[in-house]
Structures are given as structure tokens and as C-alpha cells.
Amino acid sequence: MIDGRETSVWDLKKGMNVTATVLTQVPQTAVAEQREVTGKMPAPPPTPPMEGALLIEAAAPEPAVTEAALPKKLPQTGSIVPLLGLIGILSLAGSFGLTVCTRK
């Protein structure tokens, strides 16, 4: 509707009063479900007979470690000798490498 009368879109001009109705079509999906169950559920299987007693053993508590059981001084397990040997071998290899490089 343009100025109260029905016209086409091509007649629109700047400053006109326009009233419009928008019609849209939305597809609708309807789902119907009907379920009919007949019959009976089978009986549960019988409980098997008991074949013996179930014994549960409680875990024994761990013995507490006292200070008397611990050694007073830890043993000496490492020394500096292997480190000195490694340094010596690396020094010999370095001097040999320098000797070879300077003779060429």
C-alpha cells in the first residue's frame, strides 16, 4: 500500500508512506509415532546354588620402622676418582688432537 492505495513496487519514490505485509511460508514437519507392545517379559534365570563360603582375609598391618633399625651412618658409595680419570682421558685426547692438527 502506497499512500493508502495498492500499487506495485516500481511506483515507490522517496518520501512516500508505505505500509507492507510480508507473507512467508515455513515448511512444517510433523512426526507421529505410536508404539504398541504386546507379550510378557521372560522370567529371570534362577539364582545358582551356593557352592561354599566366601572368606575375606584382612590385610596385616605393616610393621613400623623404628630408629633403632636404621643404620647410624650411610655407607660411602661414590668417590672423585672416576671423575679425575675422565678429565685425564679428555686432556690426553685434546693434546693428541692439537698435535695432529699442528703437524699438517
PDB file of N, CA and C in Angstrom:
ATOM      1  N   MET A   1       0.848  -1.171   0.000  1.00  0.00           N
ATOM      2  CA  MET A   1       0.000   0.000   0.000  1.00  0.00           C
ATOM      3  C   MET A   1       0.899   1.241   0.000  1.00  0.00           C
ATOM      4  N   ILE A   2       0.701   2.126  -0.939  1.00  0.00           N
ATOM      5  CA  ILE A   2       1.416   3.383  -1.022  1.00  0.00           C
ATOM      6  C   ILE A   2       0.388   4.495  -0.948  1.00  0.00           C
ATOM      7  N   ASP A   3       0.514   5.314   0.105  1.00  0.00           N
ATOM      8  CA  ASP A   3      -0.429   6.404   0.352  1.00  0.00           C
ATOM      9  C   ASP A   3      -1.875   5.926   0.363  1.00  0.00           C
ATOM     10  N   GLY A   4      -2.110   4.737   0.956  1.00  0.00           N
ATOM     11  CA  GLY A   4      -3.468   4.227   1.107  1.00  0.00           C
ATOM     12  C   GLY A   4      -4.010   3.476  -0.090  1.00  0.00           C
ATOM     13  N   ARG A   5      -3.309   3.395  -1.189  1.00  0.00           N
ATOM     14  CA  ARG A   5      -3.824   2.632  -2.330  1.00  0.00           C
ATOM     15  C   ARG A   5      -2.824   1.562  -2.711  1.00  0.00           C
ATOM     16  N   GLU A   6      -3.294   0.503  -3.287  1.00  0.00           N
ATOM     17  CA  GLU A   6      -2.468  -0.635  -3.638  1.00  0.00           C
ATOM     18  C   GLU A   6      -1.789  -0.387  -4.972  1.00  0.00           C
ATOM     19  N   THR A   7      -0.454  -0.407  -4.995  1.00  0.00           N
ATOM     20  CA  THR A   7       0.316  -0.194  -6.223  1.00  0.00           C
ATOM     21  C   THR A   7       1.497  -1.161  -6.225  1.00  0.00           C
ATOM     22  N   SER A   8       2.280  -1.109  -7.282  1.00  0.00           N
ATOM     23  CA  SER A   8       3.426  -2.021  -7.385  1.00  0.00           C
ATOM     24  C   SER A   8       4.666  -1.388  -6.761  1.00  0.00           C
ATOM     25  N   VAL A   9       5.711  -2.154  -6.650  1.00  0.00           N
ATOM     26  CA  VAL A   9       6.954  -1.702  -6.058  1.00  0.00           C
ATOM     27  C   VAL A   9       7.627  -0.660  -6.946  1.00  0.00           C
ATOM     28  N   TRP A  10       7.391  -0.701  -8.236  1.00  0.00           N
ATOM     29  CA  TRP A  10       8.056   0.204  -9.174  1.00  0.00           C
ATOM     30  C   TRP A  10       7.559   1.637  -9.029  1.00  0.00           C
ATOM     31  N   ASP A  11       6.450   1.827  -8.334  1.00  0.00           N
ATOM     32  CA  ASP A  11       5.904   3.170  -8.137  1.00  0.00           C
ATOM     33  C   ASP A  11       6.446   3.865  -6.880  1.00  0.00           C
ATOM     34  N   LEU A  12       7.382   3.246  -6.162  1.00  0.00           N
ATOM     35  CA  LEU A  12       7.942   3.841  -4.940  1.00  0.00           C
ATOM     36  C   LEU A  12       8.829   5.025  -5.274  1.00  0.00           C
ATOM     37  N   LYS A  13       8.709   6.068  -4.442  1.00  0.00           N
ATOM     38  CA  LYS A  13       9.546   7.255  -4.583  1.00  0.00           C
ATOM     39  C   LYS A  13       9.950   7.719  -3.189  1.00  0.00           C
ATOM     40  N   LYS A  14      10.981   8.525  -3.109  1.00  0.00           N
ATOM     41  CA  LYS A  14      11.492   8.999  -1.840  1.00  0.00           C
ATOM     42  C   LYS A  14      10.441   9.870  -1.141  1.00  0.00           C
ATOM     43  N   GLY A  15      10.220   9.600   0.185  1.00  0.00           N
ATOM     44  CA  GLY A  15       9.293  10.389   0.980  1.00  0.00           C
ATOM     45  C   GLY A  15       7.882   9.826   1.035  1.00  0.00           C
ATOM     46  N   MET A  16       7.569   8.739   0.363  1.00  0.00           N
ATOM     47  CA  MET A  16       6.217   8.154   0.381  1.00  0.00           C
ATOM     48  C   MET A  16       6.010   7.350   1.659  1.00  0.00           C
ATOM     49  N   ASN A  17       4.801   7.327   2.154  1.00  0.00           N
ATOM     50  CA  ASN A  17       4.412   6.490   3.290  1.00  0.00           C
ATOM     51  C   ASN A  17       4.028   5.111   2.747  1.00  0.00           C
ATOM     52  N   VAL A  18       4.687   4.099   3.279  1.00  0.00           N
ATOM     53  CA  VAL A  18       4.485   2.741   2.773  1.00  0.00           C
ATOM     54  C   VAL A  18       4.021   1.853   3.907  1.00  0.00           C
ATOM     55  N   THR A  19       2.994   1.040   3.640  1.00  0.00           N
ATOM     56  CA  THR A  19       2.534   0.016   4.558  1.00  0.00           C
ATOM     57  C   THR A  19       2.669  -1.311   3.840  1.00  0.00           C
ATOM     58  N   ALA A  20       3.327  -2.274   4.491  1.00  0.00           N
ATOM     59  CA  ALA A  20       3.569  -3.555   3.814  1.00  0.00           C
ATOM     60  C   ALA A  20       3.230  -4.704   4.743  1.00  0.00           C
ATOM     61  N   THR A  21       2.808  -5.784   4.146  1.00  0.00           N
ATOM     62  CA  THR A  21       2.561  -7.037   4.854  1.00  0.00           C
ATOM     63  C   THR A  21       3.427  -8.102   4.189  1.00  0.00           C
ATOM     64  N   VAL A  22       4.254  -8.750   4.995  1.00  0.00           N
ATOM     65  CA  VAL A  22       5.154  -9.773   4.469  1.00  0.00           C
ATOM     66  C   VAL A  22       4.568 -11.137   4.781  1.00  0.00           C
ATOM     67  N   LEU A  23       4.426 -11.939   3.748  1.00  0.00           N
ATOM     68  CA  LEU A  23       3.922 -13.301   3.908  1.00  0.00           C
ATOM     69  C   LEU A  23       5.072 -14.264   3.638  1.00  0.00           C
ATOM     70  N   THR A  24       5.316 -15.133   4.573  1.00  0.00           N
ATOM     71  CA  THR A  24       6.362 -16.141   4.383  1.00  0.00           C
ATOM     72  C   THR A  24       5.763 -17.515   4.593  1.00  0.00           C
ATOM     73  N   GLN A  25       6.317 -18.459   3.902  1.00  0.00           N
ATOM     74  CA  GLN A  25       5.869 -19.845   4.058  1.00  0.00           C
ATOM     75  C   GLN A  25       7.004 -20.629   4.696  1.00  0.00           C
ATOM     76  N   VAL A  26       6.714 -21.231   5.817  1.00  0.00           N
ATOM     77  CA  VAL A  26       7.698 -22.026   6.546  1.00  0.00           C
ATOM     78  C   VAL A  26       7.277 -23.486   6.429  1.00  0.00           C
ATOM     79  N   PRO A  27       8.172 -24.326   5.929  1.00  0.00           N
ATOM     80  CA  PRO A  27       7.809 -25.745   5.855  1.00  0.00           C
ATOM     81  C   PRO A  27       7.708 -26.344   7.257  1.00  0.00           C
ATOM     82  N   GLN A  28       6.689 -27.102   7.474  1.00  0.00           N
ATOM     83  CA  GLN A  28       6.475 -27.737   8.770  1.00  0.00           C
ATOM     84  C   GLN A  28       6.603 -29.238   8.605  1.00  0.00           C
ATOM     85  N   THR A  29       7.263 -29.836   9.569  1.00  0.00           N
ATOM     86  CA  THR A  29       7.410 -31.283   9.567  1.00  0.00           C
ATOM     87  C   THR A  29       6.722 -31.817  10.810  1.00  0.00           C
ATOM     88  N   ALA A  30       5.769 -32.675  10.594  1.00  0.00           N
ATOM     89  CA  ALA A  30       5.060 -33.284  11.710  1.00  0.00           C
ATOM     90  C   ALA A  30       5.404 -34.770  11.747  1.00  0.00           C
ATOM     91  N   VAL A  31       5.804 -35.230  12.917  1.00  0.00           N
ATOM     92  CA  VAL A  31       6.171 -36.632  13.085  1.00  0.00           C
ATOM     93  C   VAL A  31       5.249 -37.221  14.133  1.00  0.00           C
ATOM     94  N   ALA A  32       4.626 -38.312  13.771  1.00  0.00           N
ATOM     95  CA  ALA A  32       3.753 -39.010  14.705  1.00  0.00           C
ATOM     96  C   ALA A  32       4.298 -40.421  14.886  1.00  0.00           C
ATOM     97  N   GLU A  33       4.358 -40.851  16.116  1.00  0.00           N
ATOM     98  CA  GLU A  33       4.881 -42.180  16.395  1.00  0.00           C
ATOM     99  C   GLU A  33       3.964 -42.849  17.403  1.00  0.00           C
ATOM    100  N   GLN A  34       3.646 -44.072  17.103  1.00  0.00           N
ATOM    101  CA  GLN A  34       2.796 -44.827  18.008  1.00  0.00           C
ATOM    102  C   GLN A  34       3.399 -46.209  18.131  1.00  0.00           C
ATOM    103  N   ARG A  35       3.581 -46.657  19.350  1.00  0.00           N
ATOM    104  CA  ARG A  35       4.206 -47.945  19.589  1.00  0.00           C
ATOM    105  C   ARG A  35       3.268 -48.790  20.446  1.00  0.00           C
ATOM    106  N   GLU A  36       3.116 -50.010  20.028  1.00  0.00           N
ATOM    107  CA  GLU A  36       2.270 -50.929  20.781  1.00  0.00           C
ATOM    108  C   GLU A  36       3.082 -52.176  21.070  1.00  0.00           C
ATOM    109  N   VAL A  37       3.202 -52.501  22.343  1.00  0.00           N
ATOM    110  CA  VAL A  37       3.991 -53.661  22.760  1.00  0.00           C
ATOM    111  C   VAL A  37       3.047 -54.679  23.355  1.00  0.00           C
ATOM    112  N   THR A  38       3.209 -55.904  22.879  1.00  0.00           N
ATOM    113  CA  THR A  38       2.388 -56.983  23.423  1.00  0.00           C
ATOM    114  C   THR A  38       3.300 -58.092  23.914  1.00  0.00           C
ATOM    115  N   GLY A  39       2.825 -58.900  24.784  1.00  0.00           N
ATOM    116  CA  GLY A  39       3.605 -60.026  25.291  1.00  0.00           C
ATOM    117  C   GLY A  39       4.103 -59.746  26.698  1.00  0.00           C
ATOM    118  N   LYS A  40       4.819 -60.722  27.226  1.00  0.00           N
ATOM    119  CA  LYS A  40       5.349 -60.609  28.576  1.00  0.00           C
ATOM    120  C   LYS A  40       6.850 -60.826  28.557  1.00  0.00           C
ATOM    121  N   MET A  41       7.505 -60.240  29.516  1.00  0.00           N
ATOM    122  CA  MET A  41       8.932 -60.404  29.654  1.00  0.00           C
ATOM    123  C   MET A  41       9.221 -61.780  30.250  1.00  0.00           C
ATOM    124  N   PRO A  42      10.301 -62.452  29.778  1.00  0.00           N
ATOM    125  CA  PRO A  42      10.583 -63.770  30.336  1.00  0.00           C
ATOM    126  C   PRO A  42      11.043 -63.654  31.787  1.00  0.00           C
ATOM    127  N   ALA A  43      10.874 -64.724  32.524  1.00  0.00           N
ATOM    128  CA  ALA A  43      11.254 -64.755  33.938  1.00  0.00           C
ATOM    129  C   ALA A  43      12.776 -64.718  34.041  1.00  0.00           C
ATOM    130  N   PRO A  44      13.312 -64.097  35.076  1.00  0.00           N
ATOM    131  CA  PRO A  44      14.759 -64.066  35.229  1.00  0.00           C
ATOM    132  C   PRO A  44      15.298 -65.469  35.497  1.00  0.00           C
ATOM    133  N   PRO A  45      16.546 -65.746  35.129  1.00  0.00           N
ATOM    134  CA  PRO A  45      17.092 -67.071  35.375  1.00  0.00           C
ATOM    135  C   PRO A  45      17.214 -67.329  36.871  1.00  0.00           C
ATOM    136  N   PRO A  46      17.165 -68.587  37.270  1.00  0.00           N
ATOM    137  CA  PRO A  46      17.247 -68.892  38.708  1.00  0.00           C
ATOM    138  C   PRO A  46      18.649 -68.583  39.245  1.00  0.00           C
ATOM    139  N   THR A  47      18.707 -68.252  40.512  1.00  0.00           N
ATOM    140  CA  THR A  47      19.980 -67.973  41.165  1.00  0.00           C
ATOM    141  C   THR A  47      20.744 -69.281  41.324  1.00  0.00           C
ATOM    142  N   PRO A  48      22.051 -69.309  40.944  1.00  0.00           N
ATOM    143  CA  PRO A  48      22.797 -70.555  41.090  1.00  0.00           C
ATOM    144  C   PRO A  48      22.967 -70.924  42.558  1.00  0.00           C
ATOM    145  N   PRO A  49      23.051 -72.208  42.841  1.00  0.00           N
ATOM    146  CA  PRO A  49      23.188 -72.630  44.240  1.00  0.00           C
ATOM    147  C   PRO A  49      24.559 -72.220  44.788  1.00  0.00           C
ATOM    148  N   MET A  50      24.624 -72.004  46.106  1.00  0.00           N
ATOM    149  CA  MET A  50      25.855 -71.607  46.755  1.00  0.00           C
ATOM    150  C   MET A  50      26.763 -72.819  46.890  1.00  0.00           C
ATOM    151  N   GLU A  51      28.039 -72.673  46.494  1.00  0.00           N
ATOM    152  CA  GLU A  51      28.944 -73.817  46.478  1.00  0.00           C
ATOM    153  C   GLU A  51      29.991 -73.761  47.570  1.00  0.00           C
ATOM    154  N   GLY A  52      29.973 -72.849  48.440  1.00  0.00           N
ATOM    155  CA  GLY A  52      30.963 -72.766  49.508  1.00  0.00           C
ATOM    156  C   GLY A  52      30.896 -71.413  50.182  1.00  0.00           C
ATOM    157  N   ALA A  53      31.750 -71.250  51.151  1.00  0.00           N
ATOM    158  CA  ALA A  53      31.767 -69.997  51.900  1.00  0.00           C
ATOM    159  C   ALA A  53      32.786 -69.047  51.285  1.00  0.00           C
ATOM    160  N   LEU A  54      32.500 -67.788  51.315  1.00  0.00           N
ATOM    161  CA  LEU A  54      33.401 -66.767  50.825  1.00  0.00           C
ATOM    162  C   LEU A  54      34.176 -66.225  52.016  1.00  0.00           C
ATOM    163  N   LEU A  55      35.502 -66.360  51.966  1.00  0.00           N
ATOM    164  CA  LEU A  55      36.336 -65.896  53.065  1.00  0.00           C
ATOM    165  C   LEU A  55      37.089 -64.648  52.617  1.00  0.00           C
ATOM    166  N   ILE A  56      37.064 -63.639  53.446  1.00  0.00           N
ATOM    167  CA  ILE A  56      37.783 -62.405  53.162  1.00  0.00           C
ATOM    168  C   ILE A  56      38.828 -62.235  54.253  1.00  0.00           C
ATOM    169  N   GLU A  57      40.096 -62.166  53.844  1.00  0.00           N
ATOM    170  CA  GLU A  57      41.190 -62.042  54.801  1.00  0.00           C
ATOM    171  C   GLU A  57      41.578 -60.581  54.925  1.00  0.00           C
ATOM    172  N   ALA A  58      41.665 -60.109  56.131  1.00  0.00           N
ATOM    173  CA  ALA A  58      42.069 -58.729  56.372  1.00  0.00           C
ATOM    174  C   ALA A  58      43.579 -58.628  56.206  1.00  0.00           C
ATOM    175  N   ALA A  59      44.025 -57.545  55.584  1.00  0.00           N
ATOM    176  CA  ALA A  59      45.453 -57.347  55.377  1.00  0.00           C
ATOM    177  C   ALA A  59      46.134 -57.052  56.707  1.00  0.00           C
ATOM    178  N   ALA A  60      47.306 -57.666  56.910  1.00  0.00           N
ATOM    179  CA  ALA A  60      48.057 -57.441  58.146  1.00  0.00           C
ATOM    180  C   ALA A  60      48.696 -56.060  58.092  1.00  0.00           C
ATOM    181  N   PRO A  61      48.696 -55.351  59.192  1.00  0.00           N
ATOM    182  CA  PRO A  61      49.324 -54.025  59.186  1.00  0.00           C
ATOM    183  C   PRO A  61      50.833 -54.158  59.014  1.00  0.00           C
ATOM    184  N   GLU A  62      51.442 -53.185  58.317  1.00  0.00           N
ATOM    185  CA  GLU A  62      52.884 -53.212  58.099  1.00  0.00           C
ATOM    186  C   GLU A  62      53.596 -52.851  59.394  1.00  0.00           C
ATOM    187  N   PRO A  63      54.717 -53.512  59.649  1.00  0.00           N
ATOM    188  CA  PRO A  63      55.433 -53.195  60.893  1.00  0.00           C
ATOM    189  C   PRO A  63      56.035 -51.791  60.810  1.00  0.00           C
ATOM    190  N   ALA A  64      55.988 -51.093  61.914  1.00  0.00           N
ATOM    191  CA  ALA A  64      56.525 -49.733  61.960  1.00  0.00           C
ATOM    192  C   ALA A  64      58.047 -49.791  62.014  1.00  0.00           C
ATOM    193  N   VAL A  65      58.713 -48.905  61.292  1.00  0.00           N
ATOM    194  CA  VAL A  65      60.168 -48.851  61.291  1.00  0.00           C
ATOM    195  C   VAL A  65      60.605 -47.928  62.420  1.00  0.00           C
ATOM    196  N   THR A  66      61.439 -48.449  63.265  1.00  0.00           N
ATOM    197  CA  THR A  66      61.926 -47.652  64.388  1.00  0.00           C
ATOM    198  C   THR A  66      63.303 -47.103  64.065  1.00  0.00           C
ATOM    199  N   GLU A  67      63.735 -46.113  64.832  1.00  0.00           N
ATOM    200  CA  GLU A  67      65.057 -45.523  64.618  1.00  0.00           C
ATOM    201  C   GLU A  67      66.163 -46.500  64.947  1.00  0.00           C
ATOM    202  N   ALA A  68      65.892 -47.433  65.809  1.00  0.00           N
ATOM    203  CA  ALA A  68      66.919 -48.402  66.190  1.00  0.00           C
ATOM    204  C   ALA A  68      67.243 -49.320  65.011  1.00  0.00           C
ATOM    205  N   ALA A  69      66.293 -49.565  64.123  1.00  0.00           N
ATOM    206  CA  ALA A  69      66.511 -50.456  62.991  1.00  0.00           C
ATOM    207  C   ALA A  69      67.274 -49.772  61.864  1.00  0.00           C
ATOM    208  N   LEU A  70      67.321 -48.445  61.846  1.00  0.00           N
ATOM    209  CA  LEU A  70      68.016 -47.713  60.799  1.00  0.00           C
ATOM    210  C   LEU A  70      69.505 -47.617  61.113  1.00  0.00           C
ATOM    211  N   PRO A  71      70.374 -47.675  60.065  1.00  0.00           N
ATOM    212  CA  PRO A  71      71.811 -47.535  60.333  1.00  0.00           C
ATOM    213  C   PRO A  71      72.146 -46.111  60.771  1.00  0.00           C
ATOM    214  N   LYS A  72      73.186 -45.983  61.593  1.00  0.00           N
ATOM    215  CA  LYS A  72      73.571 -44.677  62.115  1.00  0.00           C
ATOM    216  C   LYS A  72      74.216 -43.805  61.048  1.00  0.00           C
ATOM    217  N   LYS A  73      75.038 -44.401  60.162  1.00  0.00           N
ATOM    218  CA  LYS A  73      75.732 -43.641  59.145  1.00  0.00           C
ATOM    219  C   LYS A  73      75.578 -44.358  57.809  1.00  0.00           C
ATOM    220  N   LEU A  74      75.292 -43.623  56.770  1.00  0.00           N
ATOM    221  CA  LEU A  74      75.163 -44.222  55.454  1.00  0.00           C
ATOM    222  C   LEU A  74      76.539 -44.572  54.912  1.00  0.00           C
ATOM    223  N   PRO A  75      76.631 -45.660  54.109  1.00  0.00           N
ATOM    224  CA  PRO A  75      77.928 -46.051  53.573  1.00  0.00           C
ATOM    225  C   PRO A  75      78.389 -45.084  52.486  1.00  0.00           C
ATOM    226  N   GLN A  76      79.711 -44.948  52.328  1.00  0.00           N
ATOM    227  CA  GLN A  76      80.293 -44.108  51.290  1.00  0.00           C
ATOM    228  C   GLN A  76      80.255 -44.893  49.984  1.00  0.00           C
ATOM    229  N   THR A  77      79.468 -44.428  48.997  1.00  0.00           N
ATOM    230  CA  THR A  77      79.309 -45.187  47.755  1.00  0.00           C
ATOM    231  C   THR A  77      79.939 -44.520  46.551  1.00  0.00           C
ATOM    232  N   GLY A  78      80.330 -43.275  46.619  1.00  0.00           N
ATOM    233  CA  GLY A  78      80.902 -42.600  45.468  1.00  0.00           C
ATOM    234  C   GLY A  78      82.217 -41.942  45.828  1.00  0.00           C
ATOM    235  N   SER A  79      83.044 -41.744  44.809  1.00  0.00           N
ATOM    236  CA  SER A  79      84.301 -41.042  45.045  1.00  0.00           C
ATOM    237  C   SER A  79      84.623 -40.177  43.834  1.00  0.00           C
ATOM    238  N   ILE A  80      85.704 -39.410  43.931  1.00  0.00           N
ATOM    239  CA  ILE A  80      86.086 -38.480  42.876  1.00  0.00           C
ATOM    240  C   ILE A  80      87.029 -39.126  41.860  1.00  0.00           C
ATOM    241  N   VAL A  81      87.502 -40.335  42.113  1.00  0.00           N
ATOM    242  CA  VAL A  81      88.482 -40.995  41.248  1.00  0.00           C
ATOM    243  C   VAL A  81      87.973 -41.168  39.810  1.00  0.00           C
ATOM    244  N   PRO A  82      86.748 -41.634  39.550  1.00  0.00           N
ATOM    245  CA  PRO A  82      86.310 -41.759  38.155  1.00  0.00           C
ATOM    246  C   PRO A  82      86.263 -40.410  37.429  1.00  0.00           C
ATOM    247  N   LEU A  83      85.901 -39.351  38.120  1.00  0.00           N
ATOM    248  CA  LEU A  83      85.863 -38.032  37.503  1.00  0.00           C
ATOM    249  C   LEU A  83      87.273 -37.578  37.111  1.00  0.00           C
ATOM    250  N   LEU A  84      88.266 -37.817  37.970  1.00  0.00           N
ATOM    251  CA  LEU A  84      89.643 -37.463  37.654  1.00  0.00           C
ATOM    252  C   LEU A  84      90.149 -38.267  36.456  1.00  0.00           C
ATOM    253  N   GLY A  85      89.766 -39.531  36.366  1.00  0.00           N
ATOM    254  CA  GLY A  85      90.147 -40.359  35.223  1.00  0.00           C
ATOM    255  C   GLY A  85      89.549 -39.827  33.931  1.00  0.00           C
ATOM    256  N   LEU A  86      88.300 -39.414  33.961  1.00  0.00           N
ATOM    257  CA  LEU A  86      87.647 -38.872  32.776  1.00  0.00           C
ATOM    258  C   LEU A  86      88.326 -37.583  32.324  1.00  0.00           C
ATOM    259  N   ILE A  87      88.663 -36.718  33.278  1.00  0.00           N
ATOM    260  CA  ILE A  87      89.343 -35.466  32.935  1.00  0.00           C
ATOM    261  C   ILE A  87      90.702 -35.760  32.317  1.00  0.00           C
ATOM    262  N   GLY A  88      91.414 -36.754  32.831  1.00  0.00           N
ATOM    263  CA  GLY A  88      92.710 -37.128  32.273  1.00  0.00           C
ATOM    264  C   GLY A  88      92.599 -37.645  30.852  1.00  0.00           C
ATOM    265  N   ILE A  89      91.620 -38.498  30.590  1.00  0.00           N
ATOM    266  CA  ILE A  89      91.424 -39.042  29.241  1.00  0.00           C
ATOM    267  C   ILE A  89      91.065 -37.930  28.263  1.00  0.00           C
ATOM    268  N   LEU A  90      90.205 -37.004  28.665  1.00  0.00           N
ATOM    269  CA  LEU A  90      89.838 -35.887  27.788  1.00  0.00           C
ATOM    270  C   LEU A  90      91.042 -34.980  27.514  1.00  0.00           C
ATOM    271  N   SER A  91      91.915 -34.792  28.516  1.00  0.00           N
ATOM    272  CA  SER A  91      93.117 -33.971  28.302  1.00  0.00           C
ATOM    273  C   SER A  91      94.066 -34.645  27.308  1.00  0.00           C
ATOM    274  N   LEU A  92      94.245 -35.940  27.447  1.00  0.00           N
ATOM    275  CA  LEU A  92      95.108 -36.666  26.508  1.00  0.00           C
ATOM    276  C   LEU A  92      94.556 -36.609  25.085  1.00  0.00           C
ATOM    277  N   ALA A  93      93.220 -36.773  24.947  1.00  0.00           N
ATOM    278  CA  ALA A  93      92.599 -36.734  23.622  1.00  0.00           C
ATOM    279  C   ALA A  93      92.735 -35.336  23.017  1.00  0.00           C
ATOM    280  N   GLY A  94      92.597 -34.316  23.826  1.00  0.00           N
ATOM    281  CA  GLY A  94      92.742 -32.947  23.333  1.00  0.00           C
ATOM    282  C   GLY A  94      94.161 -32.649  22.885  1.00  0.00           C
ATOM    283  N   SER A  95      95.139 -33.084  23.671  1.00  0.00           N
ATOM    284  CA  SER A  95      96.540 -32.842  23.281  1.00  0.00           C
ATOM    285  C   SER A  95      96.892 -33.628  22.022  1.00  0.00           C
ATOM    286  N   PHE A  96      96.391 -34.845  21.907  1.00  0.00           N
ATOM    287  CA  PHE A  96      96.640 -35.625  20.691  1.00  0.00           C
ATOM    288  C   PHE A  96      96.024 -34.941  19.469  1.00  0.00           C
ATOM    289  N   GLY A  97      94.788 -34.424  19.621  1.00  0.00           N
ATOM    290  CA  GLY A  97      94.119 -33.726  18.526  1.00  0.00           C
ATOM    291  C   GLY A  97      94.876 -32.480  18.104  1.00  0.00           C
ATOM    292  N   LEU A  98      95.373 -31.696  19.055  1.00  0.00           N
ATOM    293  CA  LEU A  98      96.143 -30.488  18.729  1.00  0.00           C
ATOM    294  C   LEU A  98      97.467 -30.838  18.040  1.00  0.00           C
ATOM    295  N   THR A  99      98.094 -31.927  18.478  1.00  0.00           N
ATOM    296  CA  THR A  99      99.355 -32.353  17.863  1.00  0.00           C
ATOM    297  C   THR A  99      99.147 -32.740  16.416  1.00  0.00           C
ATOM    298  N   VAL A 100      98.067 -33.457  16.132  1.00  0.00           N
ATOM    299  CA  VAL A 100      97.765 -33.883  14.768  1.00  0.00           C
ATOM    300  C   VAL A 100      97.450 -32.673  13.899  1.00  0.00           C
ATOM    301  N   CYS A 101      96.704 -31.711  14.422  1.00  0.00           N
ATOM    302  CA  CYS A 101      96.310 -30.530  13.636  1.00  0.00           C
ATOM    303  C   CYS A 101      97.499 -29.627  13.324  1.00  0.00           C
ATOM    304  N   THR A 102      98.453 -29.509  14.252  1.00  0.00           N
ATOM    305  CA  THR A 102      99.573 -28.594  14.038  1.00  0.00           C
ATOM    306  C   THR A 102     100.655 -29.193  13.118  1.00  0.00           C
ATOM    307  N   ARG A 103     100.738 -30.488  12.959  1.00  0.00           N
ATOM    308  CA  ARG A 103     101.733 -31.114  12.118  1.00  0.00           C
ATOM    309  C   ARG A 103     101.368 -31.069  10.645  1.00  0.00           C
ATOM    310  N   LYS A 104     100.168 -30.787  10.285  1.00  0.00           N
ATOM    311  CA  LYS A 104      99.743 -30.790   8.878  1.00  0.00           C
ATOM    312  C   LYS A 104     100.102 -29.543   8.178  1.00  0.00           C
TER     313      LYS A 104
END
